[in-house]
Structures are given as structure tokens and as C-alpha cells.
N, C-alpha and C. Protein backbone atom coordinates (compact mmCIF):
# COMPACT_ATOMS: atom_id res chain seq x y z
N MET A 1 1.19 -25.68 6.72
CA MET A 1 2.24 -24.84 6.18
C MET A 1 2.44 -25.46 4.75
N LYS A 2 3.05 -26.55 4.47
CA LYS A 2 3.28 -27.55 3.43
C LYS A 2 2.14 -27.69 2.43
N ASP A 3 1.03 -27.66 2.95
CA ASP A 3 -0.52 -27.57 2.50
C ASP A 3 -0.51 -26.46 1.75
N MET A 4 0.02 -25.06 2.19
CA MET A 4 -0.27 -23.86 1.65
C MET A 4 0.73 -23.56 0.48
N LEU A 5 2.13 -24.38 0.70
CA LEU A 5 2.97 -24.06 -0.18
C LEU A 5 2.86 -24.99 -1.34
N LEU A 6 1.98 -25.87 -1.11
CA LEU A 6 1.78 -26.72 -2.25
C LEU A 6 0.47 -26.38 -3.33
N LYS A 7 -0.06 -25.16 -2.43
CA LYS A 7 -1.22 -24.59 -3.18
C LYS A 7 -1.01 -23.25 -3.89
N ARG A 8 0.11 -22.69 -3.30
CA ARG A 8 0.71 -21.33 -3.58
C ARG A 8 1.42 -21.17 -5.12
N ARG A 9 0.72 -20.57 -5.99
CA ARG A 9 0.98 -20.56 -7.58
C ARG A 9 1.39 -18.93 -7.53
N SER A 10 2.00 -18.70 -8.46
CA SER A 10 1.98 -17.63 -9.07
C SER A 10 0.97 -17.12 -10.11
N ILE A 11 -0.19 -15.88 -9.77
CA ILE A 11 -1.14 -15.61 -9.99
C ILE A 11 -1.37 -14.54 -11.28
N ARG A 12 -1.23 -14.37 -12.14
CA ARG A 12 -1.26 -13.23 -13.16
C ARG A 12 -2.72 -12.64 -13.76
N LYS A 13 -3.59 -13.28 -13.34
CA LYS A 13 -4.78 -12.67 -13.74
C LYS A 13 -5.63 -12.33 -12.67
N TYR A 14 -6.35 -11.32 -12.36
CA TYR A 14 -6.94 -10.67 -11.65
C TYR A 14 -8.39 -10.38 -11.47
N LYS A 15 -9.34 -10.54 -10.68
CA LYS A 15 -10.50 -9.98 -11.04
C LYS A 15 -10.47 -8.60 -10.67
N ASP A 16 -11.81 -7.85 -11.21
CA ASP A 16 -11.91 -6.33 -11.23
C ASP A 16 -12.43 -5.98 -9.87
N ALA A 17 -11.70 -6.28 -8.47
CA ALA A 17 -11.93 -6.01 -7.53
C ALA A 17 -11.31 -5.47 -6.27
N PRO A 18 -11.52 -4.44 -5.73
CA PRO A 18 -10.81 -3.78 -4.61
C PRO A 18 -10.54 -4.84 -3.66
N ILE A 19 -9.46 -4.95 -3.16
CA ILE A 19 -8.82 -5.74 -2.00
C ILE A 19 -9.04 -5.00 -0.55
N GLU A 20 -10.15 -5.47 0.14
CA GLU A 20 -10.61 -4.88 1.39
C GLU A 20 -9.30 -4.02 2.40
N ARG A 21 -9.77 -3.21 2.80
CA ARG A 21 -8.59 -2.33 3.75
C ARG A 21 -7.87 -3.07 4.63
N GLU A 22 -8.89 -3.92 5.59
CA GLU A 22 -8.33 -5.10 6.74
C GLU A 22 -7.53 -5.67 6.22
N LYS A 23 -7.80 -6.49 4.92
CA LYS A 23 -6.42 -7.29 4.36
C LYS A 23 -5.57 -6.67 4.07
N VAL A 24 -5.40 -5.38 3.39
CA VAL A 24 -4.26 -4.87 2.80
C VAL A 24 -3.62 -4.58 3.94
N GLU A 25 -3.93 -4.06 5.06
CA GLU A 25 -3.44 -3.84 6.33
C GLU A 25 -2.59 -4.81 7.23
N GLN A 26 -3.62 -6.32 7.05
CA GLN A 26 -2.71 -7.55 7.66
C GLN A 26 -1.58 -7.90 6.81
N LEU A 27 -1.48 -7.54 5.34
CA LEU A 27 -0.56 -7.93 4.52
C LEU A 27 0.46 -6.92 5.04
N LEU A 28 0.50 -5.48 5.45
CA LEU A 28 1.07 -4.52 5.47
C LEU A 28 1.92 -5.18 6.96
N GLN A 29 1.37 -5.53 7.91
CA GLN A 29 1.39 -5.96 9.33
C GLN A 29 2.79 -7.17 8.98
N VAL A 30 1.96 -8.17 8.24
CA VAL A 30 2.75 -9.03 7.99
C VAL A 30 4.05 -8.94 7.41
N GLY A 31 4.58 -8.17 6.55
CA GLY A 31 5.80 -7.43 6.27
C GLY A 31 6.40 -6.86 7.27
N LEU A 32 6.02 -5.83 7.96
CA LEU A 32 6.63 -5.44 8.93
C LEU A 32 7.29 -6.54 10.29
N LEU A 33 6.30 -7.68 10.15
CA LEU A 33 6.92 -8.60 11.23
C LEU A 33 8.21 -9.61 10.71
N ALA A 34 7.87 -9.51 9.86
CA ALA A 34 9.24 -10.16 8.89
C ALA A 34 10.62 -10.07 9.53
N PRO A 35 11.25 -11.27 9.89
CA PRO A 35 12.70 -11.68 10.37
C PRO A 35 13.61 -10.62 9.84
N THR A 36 14.45 -9.97 10.09
CA THR A 36 15.44 -9.45 9.53
C THR A 36 16.78 -10.15 10.42
N SER A 37 18.10 -9.47 9.87
CA SER A 37 19.45 -9.81 10.15
C SER A 37 19.30 -8.82 11.61
N ARG A 38 20.00 -9.21 12.15
CA ARG A 38 20.16 -8.60 13.62
C ARG A 38 18.91 -7.36 13.84
N ASN A 39 17.75 -8.03 13.53
CA ASN A 39 16.63 -7.08 13.68
C ASN A 39 17.02 -5.50 13.11
N SER A 40 17.69 -5.37 12.03
CA SER A 40 18.07 -4.14 11.17
C SER A 40 16.68 -3.84 10.66
N ARG A 41 15.72 -4.10 10.10
CA ARG A 41 14.58 -4.03 9.62
C ARG A 41 14.70 -2.81 8.56
N PRO A 42 15.60 -3.20 7.48
CA PRO A 42 15.96 -2.19 6.21
C PRO A 42 14.88 -2.05 5.37
N TRP A 43 13.73 -2.80 5.63
CA TRP A 43 12.70 -2.85 4.45
C TRP A 43 11.87 -1.71 5.00
N GLU A 44 11.37 -1.61 3.51
CA GLU A 44 10.14 -0.50 3.36
C GLU A 44 9.46 -0.73 2.19
N PHE A 45 8.22 0.13 2.51
CA PHE A 45 6.91 -0.85 1.78
C PHE A 45 6.18 0.41 0.81
N ILE A 46 6.31 0.38 -0.38
CA ILE A 46 5.31 1.38 -1.16
C ILE A 46 3.97 0.49 -1.35
N VAL A 47 2.72 1.20 -1.01
CA VAL A 47 1.55 0.10 -1.54
C VAL A 47 0.97 1.09 -2.49
N VAL A 48 0.64 0.35 -3.85
CA VAL A 48 0.36 1.03 -4.94
C VAL A 48 -1.12 0.33 -5.25
N ASP A 49 -2.19 1.13 -4.92
CA ASP A 49 -3.46 1.08 -5.86
C ASP A 49 -3.91 1.85 -6.82
N ASP A 50 -3.34 2.97 -7.51
CA ASP A 50 -3.73 3.88 -8.02
C ASP A 50 -3.56 2.86 -9.83
N ARG A 51 -4.60 2.95 -10.36
CA ARG A 51 -4.45 2.27 -11.76
C ARG A 51 -3.35 2.62 -12.32
N GLU A 52 -3.36 4.02 -12.72
CA GLU A 52 -2.63 4.63 -13.63
C GLU A 52 -1.18 3.97 -13.17
N LEU A 53 -0.76 4.51 -11.91
CA LEU A 53 0.63 3.64 -11.32
C LEU A 53 1.20 2.51 -11.53
N LEU A 54 -0.24 1.78 -11.50
CA LEU A 54 0.15 0.29 -11.78
C LEU A 54 0.19 -0.20 -13.38
N GLY A 55 -0.55 0.95 -14.14
CA GLY A 55 0.09 0.76 -15.33
C GLY A 55 1.15 0.68 -15.62
N LYS A 56 1.67 1.83 -15.28
CA LYS A 56 3.29 2.05 -15.39
C LYS A 56 4.33 0.99 -14.90
N LEU A 57 4.02 0.57 -14.10
CA LEU A 57 4.76 -0.16 -13.33
C LEU A 57 4.51 -1.50 -13.88
N SER A 58 3.66 -1.61 -14.61
CA SER A 58 3.76 -2.91 -15.28
C SER A 58 4.53 -3.02 -16.91
N GLU A 59 4.98 -1.89 -16.61
CA GLU A 59 5.99 -1.63 -18.08
C GLU A 59 7.45 -1.72 -17.41
N SER A 60 7.85 -2.24 -15.97
CA SER A 60 8.89 -1.99 -16.00
C SER A 60 9.94 -2.87 -16.12
N LYS A 61 9.44 -3.83 -16.87
CA LYS A 61 10.08 -5.42 -17.26
C LYS A 61 9.65 -5.98 -17.72
N PRO A 62 10.22 -6.94 -18.77
CA PRO A 62 9.12 -8.01 -19.32
C PRO A 62 8.89 -9.10 -18.01
N GLY A 63 7.46 -9.41 -18.23
CA GLY A 63 6.92 -10.36 -16.96
C GLY A 63 6.58 -9.24 -15.93
N SER A 64 6.49 -7.85 -15.78
CA SER A 64 5.66 -7.07 -14.68
C SER A 64 4.10 -6.73 -15.36
N GLN A 65 3.71 -7.38 -16.54
CA GLN A 65 2.23 -7.27 -16.67
C GLN A 65 1.10 -7.59 -15.96
N PRO A 66 1.11 -8.46 -15.14
CA PRO A 66 0.37 -8.96 -13.95
C PRO A 66 -0.12 -7.68 -13.23
N LEU A 67 0.88 -6.32 -12.85
CA LEU A 67 0.63 -5.39 -12.29
C LEU A 67 -0.56 -4.46 -12.91
N LYS A 68 -0.61 -4.68 -14.02
CA LYS A 68 -2.10 -4.07 -14.70
C LYS A 68 -3.16 -4.27 -14.62
N GLY A 69 -3.55 -5.32 -14.37
CA GLY A 69 -4.93 -6.00 -14.09
C GLY A 69 -4.72 -6.13 -12.47
N ALA A 70 -4.11 -5.78 -11.43
CA ALA A 70 -3.87 -6.04 -10.07
C ALA A 70 -4.86 -4.91 -9.39
N ALA A 71 -5.22 -5.41 -8.43
CA ALA A 71 -5.90 -4.26 -7.71
C ALA A 71 -5.18 -3.78 -6.79
N LEU A 72 -3.65 -4.34 -6.80
CA LEU A 72 -2.57 -3.81 -5.24
C LEU A 72 -1.42 -3.95 -5.93
N GLY A 73 -0.43 -3.65 -5.66
CA GLY A 73 1.27 -3.77 -5.60
C GLY A 73 1.66 -3.29 -4.50
N ILE A 74 2.16 -4.10 -4.02
CA ILE A 74 3.39 -3.67 -2.94
C ILE A 74 4.56 -4.05 -3.21
N VAL A 75 5.28 -2.73 -3.45
CA VAL A 75 6.89 -2.43 -3.34
C VAL A 75 7.74 -2.29 -2.46
N VAL A 76 8.91 -3.61 -2.59
CA VAL A 76 9.42 -3.65 -1.72
C VAL A 76 10.95 -3.49 -2.23
N LEU A 77 11.30 -2.36 -0.85
CA LEU A 77 12.74 -1.76 -0.93
C LEU A 77 13.52 -1.67 0.37
N ALA A 78 14.57 -1.64 0.45
CA ALA A 78 15.14 -1.14 1.34
C ALA A 78 16.68 -0.42 1.61
N ASP A 79 17.23 -0.08 2.49
CA ASP A 79 17.99 0.68 2.84
C ASP A 79 19.35 0.09 2.99
N PRO A 80 20.14 0.09 2.02
CA PRO A 80 21.37 -0.91 2.09
C PRO A 80 22.60 -0.65 3.42
N GLN A 81 22.51 0.93 4.07
CA GLN A 81 23.31 1.13 5.11
C GLN A 81 22.55 0.42 5.96
N LYS A 82 21.55 0.16 6.20
CA LYS A 82 20.94 -0.53 7.43
C LYS A 82 21.47 -2.31 7.58
N SER A 83 21.32 -3.00 6.60
CA SER A 83 21.79 -4.40 6.54
C SER A 83 22.34 -4.68 5.18
N ASP A 84 23.74 -5.51 5.29
CA ASP A 84 24.37 -6.00 4.33
C ASP A 84 23.80 -7.02 3.78
N VAL A 85 22.41 -7.43 4.44
CA VAL A 85 21.81 -8.78 3.78
C VAL A 85 20.68 -7.97 3.56
N TRP A 86 20.00 -6.97 2.96
CA TRP A 86 18.75 -6.49 2.52
C TRP A 86 18.14 -7.09 1.54
N VAL A 87 18.93 -7.86 0.75
CA VAL A 87 18.18 -8.33 -0.36
C VAL A 87 17.46 -9.88 0.48
N GLU A 88 18.28 -10.84 1.47
CA GLU A 88 17.58 -11.66 2.16
C GLU A 88 16.24 -11.17 2.81
N ASP A 89 16.73 -9.97 3.52
CA ASP A 89 15.81 -9.26 4.58
C ASP A 89 14.28 -8.91 3.91
N THR A 90 14.49 -8.48 2.78
CA THR A 90 13.44 -8.23 1.57
C THR A 90 12.61 -9.36 1.30
N SER A 91 13.46 -10.35 1.04
CA SER A 91 13.01 -11.51 -0.12
C SER A 91 11.83 -12.07 1.15
N ILE A 92 12.79 -12.37 2.34
CA ILE A 92 11.57 -12.94 3.37
C ILE A 92 10.29 -12.53 3.71
N ALA A 93 10.10 -10.82 3.53
CA ALA A 93 9.17 -10.22 3.64
C ALA A 93 8.38 -10.32 2.53
N MET A 94 8.73 -10.27 1.46
CA MET A 94 8.03 -10.50 0.07
C MET A 94 7.17 -12.03 0.14
N ILE A 95 8.05 -13.47 0.60
CA ILE A 95 7.49 -14.60 0.90
C ILE A 95 6.17 -14.62 1.71
N LEU A 96 6.40 -13.95 2.98
CA LEU A 96 5.43 -13.94 3.90
C LEU A 96 4.52 -13.05 3.60
N ILE A 97 4.33 -12.22 2.77
CA ILE A 97 3.51 -11.18 2.11
C ILE A 97 2.37 -12.08 1.13
N GLN A 98 3.42 -12.90 0.41
CA GLN A 98 2.50 -13.80 -0.52
C GLN A 98 1.73 -15.14 0.01
N LEU A 99 2.46 -15.74 1.16
CA LEU A 99 1.73 -16.53 2.02
C LEU A 99 0.51 -15.96 2.59
N SER A 100 0.94 -14.90 3.30
CA SER A 100 -0.52 -14.45 3.93
C SER A 100 -1.50 -14.04 2.89
N ALA A 101 -1.23 -13.35 1.57
CA ALA A 101 -2.25 -13.50 0.78
C ALA A 101 -2.89 -14.34 0.16
N LEU A 102 -2.47 -15.41 0.30
CA LEU A 102 -3.03 -17.04 0.14
C LEU A 102 -3.84 -16.98 0.96
N SER A 103 -3.90 -17.07 2.28
CA SER A 103 -4.56 -17.52 3.51
C SER A 103 -5.72 -16.38 3.22
N LEU A 104 -5.31 -15.31 2.58
CA LEU A 104 -6.53 -14.47 2.62
C LEU A 104 -7.39 -14.73 1.53
N GLY A 105 -7.16 -15.08 0.73
CA GLY A 105 -8.01 -15.84 -0.87
C GLY A 105 -7.55 -14.79 -1.79
N LEU A 106 -6.38 -14.42 -1.51
CA LEU A 106 -6.00 -13.62 -2.55
C LEU A 106 -4.98 -13.95 -3.56
N GLY A 107 -4.50 -13.73 -4.68
CA GLY A 107 -3.49 -14.12 -5.74
C GLY A 107 -2.61 -13.21 -5.70
N SER A 108 -1.53 -13.66 -5.70
CA SER A 108 0.15 -12.74 -5.95
C SER A 108 1.19 -13.39 -6.87
N CYS A 109 1.79 -12.35 -7.34
CA CYS A 109 3.06 -12.88 -8.21
C CYS A 109 4.28 -11.55 -7.56
N TRP A 110 5.07 -12.44 -7.84
CA TRP A 110 6.60 -11.77 -7.36
C TRP A 110 6.93 -11.20 -8.48
N ILE A 111 7.43 -9.99 -8.70
CA ILE A 111 7.83 -9.35 -10.03
C ILE A 111 9.13 -8.77 -9.48
N GLN A 112 10.48 -10.03 -9.91
CA GLN A 112 11.35 -8.98 -9.41
C GLN A 112 11.94 -8.00 -10.36
N ILE A 113 12.84 -6.76 -9.49
CA ILE A 113 13.29 -5.50 -10.17
C ILE A 113 14.38 -5.65 -9.88
N ARG A 114 14.95 -5.80 -8.87
CA ARG A 114 16.48 -5.57 -8.67
C ARG A 114 17.16 -6.66 -9.76
N GLU A 115 18.28 -5.97 -10.36
CA GLU A 115 19.26 -6.90 -11.61
C GLU A 115 18.40 -7.19 -12.70
N ARG A 116 17.19 -6.41 -12.99
CA ARG A 116 16.15 -6.69 -13.94
C ARG A 116 16.50 -5.22 -15.01
N MET A 117 16.01 -5.22 -16.48
CA MET A 117 16.13 -4.40 -17.22
C MET A 117 14.89 -3.72 -17.91
N TYR A 118 14.70 -2.40 -17.74
CA TYR A 118 13.17 -1.83 -17.95
C TYR A 118 13.52 -1.87 -19.64
N LYS A 119 14.59 -1.22 -20.06
CA LYS A 119 15.06 -1.32 -21.61
C LYS A 119 16.69 -1.01 -21.74
N GLU A 120 17.16 -1.39 -23.01
CA GLU A 120 18.47 -1.44 -23.00
C GLU A 120 19.23 -0.07 -22.14
N GLY A 121 19.75 -0.42 -21.34
CA GLY A 121 20.72 0.39 -20.61
C GLY A 121 19.86 1.04 -19.59
N VAL A 122 18.46 0.47 -19.37
CA VAL A 122 18.07 1.50 -18.26
C VAL A 122 17.38 0.33 -17.00
N PRO A 123 17.90 -0.20 -16.03
CA PRO A 123 17.35 -0.86 -15.09
C PRO A 123 16.08 -0.50 -14.77
N ALA A 124 15.55 -1.98 -14.20
CA ALA A 124 13.99 -1.65 -13.94
C ALA A 124 13.96 -0.75 -12.79
N GLU A 125 15.16 -0.96 -12.06
CA GLU A 125 15.08 -0.34 -10.54
C GLU A 125 15.08 1.04 -10.41
N GLN A 126 15.73 1.25 -11.71
CA GLN A 126 15.48 3.18 -12.06
C GLN A 126 14.36 3.46 -12.84
N TYR A 127 13.74 3.09 -13.26
CA TYR A 127 12.25 3.32 -13.71
C TYR A 127 11.48 3.13 -12.76
N VAL A 128 11.59 2.32 -11.55
CA VAL A 128 10.38 2.36 -10.79
C VAL A 128 10.73 3.38 -9.96
N LYS A 129 12.05 3.97 -9.29
CA LYS A 129 12.15 4.95 -8.79
C LYS A 129 11.68 6.33 -9.07
N GLU A 130 11.76 6.41 -10.65
CA GLU A 130 11.39 7.61 -11.35
C GLU A 130 9.69 7.87 -11.11
N VAL A 131 8.85 6.49 -11.51
CA VAL A 131 7.80 6.30 -11.45
C VAL A 131 7.15 6.77 -9.89
N LEU A 132 7.85 6.27 -8.84
CA LEU A 132 7.47 6.42 -7.43
C LEU A 132 7.92 7.44 -6.72
N GLY A 133 8.76 8.26 -7.01
CA GLY A 133 9.69 8.77 -6.44
C GLY A 133 10.64 8.46 -5.36
N ILE A 134 11.44 7.48 -5.44
CA ILE A 134 11.84 6.67 -4.41
C ILE A 134 13.64 7.54 -4.33
N PRO A 135 13.69 7.89 -3.20
CA PRO A 135 15.19 8.41 -3.01
C PRO A 135 15.90 7.44 -3.70
N GLU A 136 17.20 8.00 -3.95
CA GLU A 136 18.03 7.53 -4.53
C GLU A 136 18.70 6.35 -3.53
N ASN A 137 18.92 6.60 -2.19
CA ASN A 137 19.93 5.25 -1.36
C ASN A 137 18.99 4.50 -1.19
N LEU A 138 17.86 4.32 -1.35
CA LEU A 138 17.03 2.80 -0.96
C LEU A 138 17.23 2.02 -2.73
N LYS A 139 17.17 0.56 -2.51
CA LYS A 139 17.38 -0.09 -3.51
C LYS A 139 15.97 -1.01 -3.60
N VAL A 140 15.40 -1.11 -4.69
CA VAL A 140 14.16 -1.54 -5.01
C VAL A 140 14.39 -3.17 -5.02
N GLU A 141 13.84 -4.02 -4.30
CA GLU A 141 13.88 -5.94 -4.56
C GLU A 141 12.89 -6.59 -5.37
N ALA A 142 11.67 -5.80 -5.58
CA ALA A 142 10.81 -6.37 -6.31
C ALA A 142 9.33 -5.54 -5.98
N ILE A 143 8.30 -6.35 -6.47
CA ILE A 143 6.98 -5.68 -6.40
C ILE A 143 6.14 -7.08 -6.25
N VAL A 144 5.10 -7.16 -5.44
CA VAL A 144 4.39 -8.24 -5.51
C VAL A 144 2.67 -7.65 -6.01
N SER A 145 2.00 -8.47 -6.81
CA SER A 145 1.03 -7.96 -7.55
C SER A 145 -0.19 -8.69 -6.70
N LEU A 146 -1.18 -8.32 -6.37
CA LEU A 146 -2.20 -8.83 -5.47
C LEU A 146 -3.62 -8.46 -6.45
N GLY A 147 -4.20 -9.80 -5.86
CA GLY A 147 -5.70 -9.57 -6.22
C GLY A 147 -6.55 -10.59 -6.20
N TYR A 148 -7.68 -10.70 -6.29
CA TYR A 148 -8.60 -11.85 -6.34
C TYR A 148 -8.33 -12.43 -7.26
N PRO A 149 -8.10 -13.64 -7.64
CA PRO A 149 -7.62 -14.66 -8.85
C PRO A 149 -8.71 -14.58 -9.91
N ASP A 150 -8.39 -14.21 -10.86
CA ASP A 150 -9.16 -14.56 -12.19
C ASP A 150 -8.63 -15.95 -12.88
N GLU A 151 -7.84 -16.64 -12.02
CA GLU A 151 -7.55 -17.59 -12.93
C GLU A 151 -7.20 -19.04 -11.95
N VAL A 152 -7.40 -20.33 -12.36
CA VAL A 152 -7.14 -21.63 -11.51
C VAL A 152 -5.92 -22.36 -12.00
N ARG A 153 -4.77 -22.12 -10.87
CA ARG A 153 -3.53 -22.83 -11.10
C ARG A 153 -3.68 -23.96 -10.81
N PRO A 154 -3.19 -25.30 -10.88
CA PRO A 154 -3.24 -26.58 -10.33
C PRO A 154 -2.16 -26.58 -9.25
N ALA A 155 -2.39 -27.19 -7.93
CA ALA A 155 -1.41 -27.09 -6.81
C ALA A 155 -0.56 -27.96 -7.59
N HIS A 156 0.82 -27.57 -6.65
CA HIS A 156 2.04 -28.69 -6.72
C HIS A 156 1.46 -30.08 -6.49
N ARG A 157 2.03 -31.19 -6.74
CA ARG A 157 2.27 -32.11 -5.97
C ARG A 157 3.62 -32.91 -5.51
N GLU A 158 3.33 -33.07 -4.26
CA GLU A 158 4.62 -34.11 -3.51
C GLU A 158 5.71 -34.90 -5.03
N GLU A 159 4.80 -35.18 -5.47
CA GLU A 159 5.93 -36.10 -6.82
C GLU A 159 6.65 -35.46 -7.50
N GLU A 160 6.26 -34.05 -7.48
CA GLU A 160 7.17 -32.73 -8.36
C GLU A 160 8.60 -32.50 -7.62
N LEU A 161 8.50 -32.86 -6.33
CA LEU A 161 9.58 -32.51 -5.31
C LEU A 161 10.84 -32.94 -5.86
N LEU A 162 11.86 -31.93 -5.95
CA LEU A 162 13.15 -32.43 -6.36
C LEU A 162 14.17 -33.10 -4.98
N SER A 163 13.37 -34.50 -4.67
CA SER A 163 14.37 -34.79 -3.43
C SER A 163 15.85 -35.31 -3.71
N GLU A 164 15.85 -35.51 -4.81
CA GLU A 164 17.54 -35.91 -5.37
C GLU A 164 18.27 -34.43 -4.86
N ARG A 165 17.73 -33.55 -4.72
CA ARG A 165 18.78 -32.38 -4.14
C ARG A 165 18.69 -32.18 -2.72
N ILE A 166 18.21 -33.07 -2.15
CA ILE A 166 18.32 -33.04 -0.46
C ILE A 166 19.71 -33.95 -0.35
N HIS A 167 20.72 -33.60 0.05
CA HIS A 167 22.18 -34.21 0.59
C HIS A 167 22.05 -34.09 2.15
N TRP A 168 22.48 -35.68 2.74
CA TRP A 168 22.60 -35.67 4.12
C TRP A 168 24.09 -35.85 4.51
N ASN A 169 24.31 -35.02 5.11
CA ASN A 169 25.68 -34.84 6.07
C ASN A 169 26.63 -34.50 4.91
N GLN A 170 26.69 -34.89 3.84
CA GLN A 170 27.61 -33.97 2.58
C GLN A 170 26.99 -34.45 1.29
N PHE A 171 27.70 -33.45 0.29
CA PHE A 171 27.17 -33.35 -1.04
C PHE A 171 26.95 -35.27 -1.60
N ALA A 172 26.02 -35.13 -2.48
CA ALA A 172 25.61 -36.60 -3.15
C ALA A 172 25.40 -37.90 -2.15
N LYS A 173 25.23 -37.55 -0.70
CA LYS A 173 24.65 -38.55 -0.22
C LYS A 173 23.30 -38.41 -0.03
N SER A 174 22.66 -39.46 -0.02
CA SER A 174 21.28 -39.30 -0.41
C SER A 174 20.64 -38.77 1.12
N TRP A 175 19.76 -38.31 1.44
CA TRP A 175 19.13 -37.76 2.58
C TRP A 175 18.10 -39.31 3.03
N GLN A 176 17.87 -39.66 1.90
CA GLN A 176 17.00 -41.27 2.37
C GLN A 176 17.63 -42.40 2.53
N HIS A 177 18.92 -42.09 2.86
CA HIS A 177 20.02 -43.66 3.08
C HIS A 177 19.53 -44.44 3.90
N ASP A 178 18.69 -44.15 5.11
CA ASP A 178 18.11 -45.18 6.31
C ASP A 178 16.65 -45.16 6.02
N ALA A 179 15.87 -44.78 5.11
CA ALA A 179 14.48 -44.86 4.78
C ALA A 179 14.21 -46.52 4.86
């Protein structure tokens, strides 16, 4: 798992190649297997492979451009009436989808929608809801762009880890005190 996390990078450029249906199904199953608070399973997933829709979604906020070249986008949303921690539940599903994508040879990028703006006075969430016909009672957390990478990003190195942010028993006590 640690090796996967060191290798996982946000990929923003994709090859012009479709993702095999079996891989898409596997990613969706992983999302549906994600743990949730009290097994509430508040998440919902919209799979977008239509190029025109991906283009529209790529305009949802600054930083959403990777969707334009992606083979696929998975919009992760939730019903807040089913869970008061829907943000955490959808976030867990998102990262599991991203790690699974990496294991399948795919690149991905988390595109945050919740609390972001499409344009002055218009939340990105409202724009995405209009583009995809999402009911008003559901909340959009983010979109994962997916595809075969068309860029190589170096893996993280252990030396980059911020070990000073780990505390032992109390804040400001080094976790390496007995090392």
C-alpha cells in the first residue's frame, strides 16, 4: 500500500484511449464497497464518458480542465439526509477509486466541486447539477477524471514526508522519541 501511495500522483493529461468496461466496472464496485458511517452508504456515482459532457464539466471551476481530455469522469455525490458525515463517506470512496485506478494502470485527478465556484456568484456544484440533471437534494463532493496517463510524474520520496507533523501522546512530542 505504501508503495502505491508513493507512486500515486494527480494525472492531468490522458491518452486518447477508452477505458475497458471491465476496468470501469471494477472502479465502480470499489466505490460501492467503500466503508461509510453506520453503513449508511449515502453516495451515488455518475459515470460520464460522453466527450461533450466531459467538456462541459471541464469548465465547472478553475482546475477542472483535466476532464476535457479524460476518457471518463466519475461524479461522486451523496444524500446528506442519509448521513451527517457524507463528506467523509464520499471522500473515502473517491480515494479508493483513485488507488484502484492506479492499480489498473490508469491515471486520475481529484477535482473538488463542493465549496468551489464556477463563476462569480455561481457555485460549481450548481453548474454540475444543471449539466447532469442532478436532483436538488443531493450534494456533489467531487469528480474523478480518469484515463491512461499521457504524462509521467515522479513518485514521491520518503524524504518528502513531513514526519515533524506526527506527535506522540501529546502535541509537540516527537513520535521518534524512543527511536
